[in-house]
Amino acid sequence: MRECIIKREEQENLDIVRLDGALDSYSFPRLETTLNGLRDSRRNRVILDCGGLDYISSAALGALIGFARRAREQDGDLKLVRLSPKIYNIVELLGFHKILEIHNDLNDAVGKFN
């Protein structure tokens, strides 16, 4: 599996976190650190761009749900965009598509924040 590369960009009042590679038990702590840093800075409006994501563990998905819930408590949210069919199938199989907001493209997700 490819190591997960995490890139963050600030866009006005929200943050876009781009993932490229595999999000597993080894790489997820780095994403968790990024998300916790955003939350600590009161930046609770986050879009997770999964366009380059090859794999995501169920534990990582569970932690994303936890972040989304905490963000919603602070008038924010975590939205996922550009999931591959393989990743979407995992999300759907676990029933997480009912909890996490998923969009096909970045502009749509940005629009939902406005």
C-alpha atoms as a PDB file:
ATOM      1  CA  MET A   1       0.000   0.000   0.000  1.00  0.00           C
ATOM      2  CA  ARG A   2       1.089   3.532  -0.727  1.00  0.00           C
ATOM      3  CA  GLU A   3       1.860   5.773   2.213  1.00  0.00           C
ATOM      4  CA  CYS A   4      -0.849   8.374   2.739  1.00  0.00           C
ATOM      5  CA  ILE A   5       0.115  11.919   1.839  1.00  0.00           C
ATOM      6  CA  ILE A   6      -1.959  14.547   3.647  1.00  0.00           C
ATOM      7  CA  LYS A   7      -2.133  18.111   2.371  1.00  0.00           C
ATOM      8  CA  ARG A   8      -4.201  20.891   3.916  1.00  0.00           C
ATOM      9  CA  GLU A   9      -5.283  24.142   2.373  1.00  0.00           C
ATOM     10  CA  GLU A  10      -7.255  26.938   3.921  1.00  0.00           C
ATOM     11  CA  GLN A  11     -10.047  28.420   1.832  1.00  0.00           C
ATOM     12  CA  GLU A  12     -11.735  31.385   3.518  1.00  0.00           C
ATOM     13  CA  ASN A  13     -13.761  29.922   6.396  1.00  0.00           C
ATOM     14  CA  LEU A  14     -13.142  26.241   5.671  1.00  0.00           C
ATOM     15  CA  ASP A  15     -10.277  23.809   5.266  1.00  0.00           C
ATOM     16  CA  ILE A  16      -9.705  21.242   2.545  1.00  0.00           C
ATOM     17  CA  VAL A  17      -7.673  18.199   3.516  1.00  0.00           C
ATOM     18  CA  ARG A  18      -6.500  16.163   0.526  1.00  0.00           C
ATOM     19  CA  LEU A  19      -5.614  12.498   0.921  1.00  0.00           C
ATOM     20  CA  ASP A  20      -3.464  10.469  -1.445  1.00  0.00           C
ATOM     21  CA  GLY A  21      -2.608   6.830  -0.707  1.00  0.00           C
ATOM     22  CA  ALA A  22      -3.828   4.420   1.963  1.00  0.00           C
ATOM     23  CA  LEU A  23      -5.439   5.574   5.201  1.00  0.00           C
ATOM     24  CA  ASP A  24      -4.731   2.708   7.569  1.00  0.00           C
ATOM     25  CA  SER A  25      -3.770   2.254  11.207  1.00  0.00           C
ATOM     26  CA  TYR A  26      -0.239   3.515  10.478  1.00  0.00           C
ATOM     27  CA  SER A  27      -1.175   6.671   8.591  1.00  0.00           C
ATOM     28  CA  PHE A  28      -4.413   7.618  10.320  1.00  0.00           C
ATOM     29  CA  PRO A  29      -2.714   9.125  13.410  1.00  0.00           C
ATOM     30  CA  ARG A  30      -1.206  11.810  11.133  1.00  0.00           C
ATOM     31  CA  LEU A  31      -4.654  12.681   9.779  1.00  0.00           C
ATOM     32  CA  GLU A  32      -6.063  12.635  13.296  1.00  0.00           C
ATOM     33  CA  THR A  33      -3.352  15.101  14.378  1.00  0.00           C
ATOM     34  CA  THR A  34      -4.283  17.370  11.462  1.00  0.00           C
ATOM     35  CA  LEU A  35      -8.005  17.220  12.267  1.00  0.00           C
ATOM     36  CA  ASN A  36      -7.442  17.747  16.003  1.00  0.00           C
ATOM     37  CA  GLY A  37      -5.254  20.755  15.222  1.00  0.00           C
ATOM     38  CA  LEU A  38      -8.050  22.231  13.122  1.00  0.00           C
ATOM     39  CA  ARG A  39     -10.572  21.623  15.878  1.00  0.00           C
ATOM     40  CA  ASP A  40      -8.266  23.152  18.496  1.00  0.00           C
ATOM     41  CA  SER A  41      -8.028  26.234  16.242  1.00  0.00           C
ATOM     42  CA  ARG A  42     -11.833  26.325  16.045  1.00  0.00           C
ATOM     43  CA  ARG A  43     -11.738  25.468  12.349  1.00  0.00           C
ATOM     44  CA  ASN A  44     -14.631  23.013  12.275  1.00  0.00           C
ATOM     45  CA  ARG A  45     -15.650  23.307   8.634  1.00  0.00           C
ATOM     46  CA  VAL A  46     -13.612  20.637   6.870  1.00  0.00           C
ATOM     47  CA  ILE A  47     -13.793  18.969   3.483  1.00  0.00           C
ATOM     48  CA  LEU A  48     -11.894  15.710   3.147  1.00  0.00           C
ATOM     49  CA  ASP A  49     -10.903  15.233  -0.510  1.00  0.00           C
ATOM     50  CA  CYS A  50     -10.575  11.483  -0.987  1.00  0.00           C
ATOM     51  CA  GLY A  51      -9.864  11.582  -4.729  1.00  0.00           C
ATOM     52  CA  GLY A  52      -6.430  10.002  -4.302  1.00  0.00           C
ATOM     53  CA  LEU A  53      -7.410   7.572  -1.562  1.00  0.00           C
ATOM     54  CA  ASP A  54      -6.749   3.892  -2.378  1.00  0.00           C
ATOM     55  CA  TYR A  55      -7.805   2.357   0.937  1.00  0.00           C
ATOM     56  CA  ILE A  56      -9.442   3.368   4.205  1.00  0.00           C
ATOM     57  CA  SER A  57      -9.710   1.204   7.299  1.00  0.00           C
ATOM     58  CA  SER A  58     -12.961   0.888   9.210  1.00  0.00           C
ATOM     59  CA  ALA A  59     -11.191   2.283  12.291  1.00  0.00           C
ATOM     60  CA  ALA A  60     -10.231   5.397  10.342  1.00  0.00           C
ATOM     61  CA  LEU A  61     -13.826   5.810   9.177  1.00  0.00           C
ATOM     62  CA  GLY A  62     -15.058   5.485  12.744  1.00  0.00           C
ATOM     63  CA  ALA A  63     -12.683   8.207  13.871  1.00  0.00           C
ATOM     64  CA  LEU A  64     -13.873  10.451  11.022  1.00  0.00           C
ATOM     65  CA  ILE A  65     -17.425  10.044  12.292  1.00  0.00           C
ATOM     66  CA  GLY A  66     -16.253  11.114  15.743  1.00  0.00           C
ATOM     67  CA  PHE A  67     -14.611  14.221  14.276  1.00  0.00           C
ATOM     68  CA  ALA A  68     -17.750  15.025  12.253  1.00  0.00           C
ATOM     69  CA  ARG A  69     -19.942  14.785  15.356  1.00  0.00           C
ATOM     70  CA  ARG A  70     -17.662  17.062  17.369  1.00  0.00           C
ATOM     71  CA  ALA A  71     -17.496  19.529  14.474  1.00  0.00           C
ATOM     72  CA  ARG A  72     -21.299  19.588  14.242  1.00  0.00           C
ATOM     73  CA  GLU A  73     -21.511  20.388  17.950  1.00  0.00           C
ATOM     74  CA  GLN A  74     -19.473  23.523  17.146  1.00  0.00           C
ATOM     75  CA  ASP A  75     -21.594  24.543  14.106  1.00  0.00           C
ATOM     76  CA  GLY A  76     -19.203  22.878  11.664  1.00  0.00           C
ATOM     77  CA  ASP A  77     -19.088  19.638   9.726  1.00  0.00           C
ATOM     78  CA  LEU A  78     -16.852  17.168   7.933  1.00  0.00           C
ATOM     79  CA  LYS A  79     -17.799  16.498   4.320  1.00  0.00           C
ATOM     80  CA  LEU A  80     -16.195  13.840   2.132  1.00  0.00           C
ATOM     81  CA  VAL A  81     -15.694  14.379  -1.593  1.00  0.00           C
ATOM     82  CA  ARG A  82     -14.536  12.365  -4.593  1.00  0.00           C
ATOM     83  CA  LEU A  83     -14.756   8.880  -3.096  1.00  0.00           C
ATOM     84  CA  SER A  84     -13.821   6.122  -5.513  1.00  0.00           C
ATOM     85  CA  PRO A  85     -16.484   3.447  -6.031  1.00  0.00           C
ATOM     86  CA  LYS A  86     -14.338   1.051  -3.962  1.00  0.00           C
ATOM     87  CA  ILE A  87     -14.101   3.455  -0.998  1.00  0.00           C
ATOM     88  CA  TYR A  88     -17.773   4.443  -1.286  1.00  0.00           C
ATOM     89  CA  ASN A  89     -18.772   0.768  -1.174  1.00  0.00           C
ATOM     90  CA  ILE A  90     -16.885   0.360   2.122  1.00  0.00           C
ATOM     91  CA  VAL A  91     -18.541   3.477   3.550  1.00  0.00           C
ATOM     92  CA  GLU A  92     -21.954   2.256   2.419  1.00  0.00           C
ATOM     93  CA  LEU A  93     -21.406  -1.310   3.640  1.00  0.00           C
ATOM     94  CA  LEU A  94     -20.640   0.008   7.125  1.00  0.00           C
ATOM     95  CA  GLY A  95     -23.682   2.313   6.989  1.00  0.00           C
ATOM     96  CA  PHE A  96     -21.500   5.394   7.432  1.00  0.00           C
ATOM     97  CA  HIS A  97     -23.008   7.104   4.370  1.00  0.00           C
ATOM     98  CA  LYS A  98     -26.006   7.816   6.624  1.00  0.00           C
ATOM     99  CA  ILE A  99     -23.797   9.735   9.049  1.00  0.00           C
ATOM    100  CA  LEU A 100     -21.121  11.342   6.871  1.00  0.00           C
ATOM    101  CA  GLU A 101     -22.092  13.811   4.172  1.00  0.00           C
ATOM    102  CA  ILE A 102     -20.632  12.694   0.828  1.00  0.00           C
ATOM    103  CA  HIS A 103     -20.358  14.775  -2.359  1.00  0.00           C
ATOM    104  CA  ASN A 104     -19.121  14.031  -5.854  1.00  0.00           C
ATOM    105  CA  ASP A 105     -17.151  17.235  -6.290  1.00  0.00           C
ATOM    106  CA  LEU A 106     -15.463  19.911  -4.267  1.00  0.00           C
ATOM    107  CA  ASN A 107     -17.635  22.803  -5.448  1.00  0.00           C
ATOM    108  CA  ASP A 108     -20.784  21.015  -4.330  1.00  0.00           C
ATOM    109  CA  ALA A 109     -19.352  20.404  -0.849  1.00  0.00           C
ATOM    110  CA  VAL A 110     -18.139  24.018  -0.577  1.00  0.00           C
ATOM    111  CA  GLY A 111     -21.617  25.195  -1.595  1.00  0.00           C
ATOM    112  CA  LYS A 112     -23.229  23.158   1.191  1.00  0.00           C
ATOM    113  CA  PHE A 113     -21.201  25.137   3.731  1.00  0.00           C
ATOM    114  CA  ASN A 114     -22.479  28.473   2.364  1.00  0.00           C
END
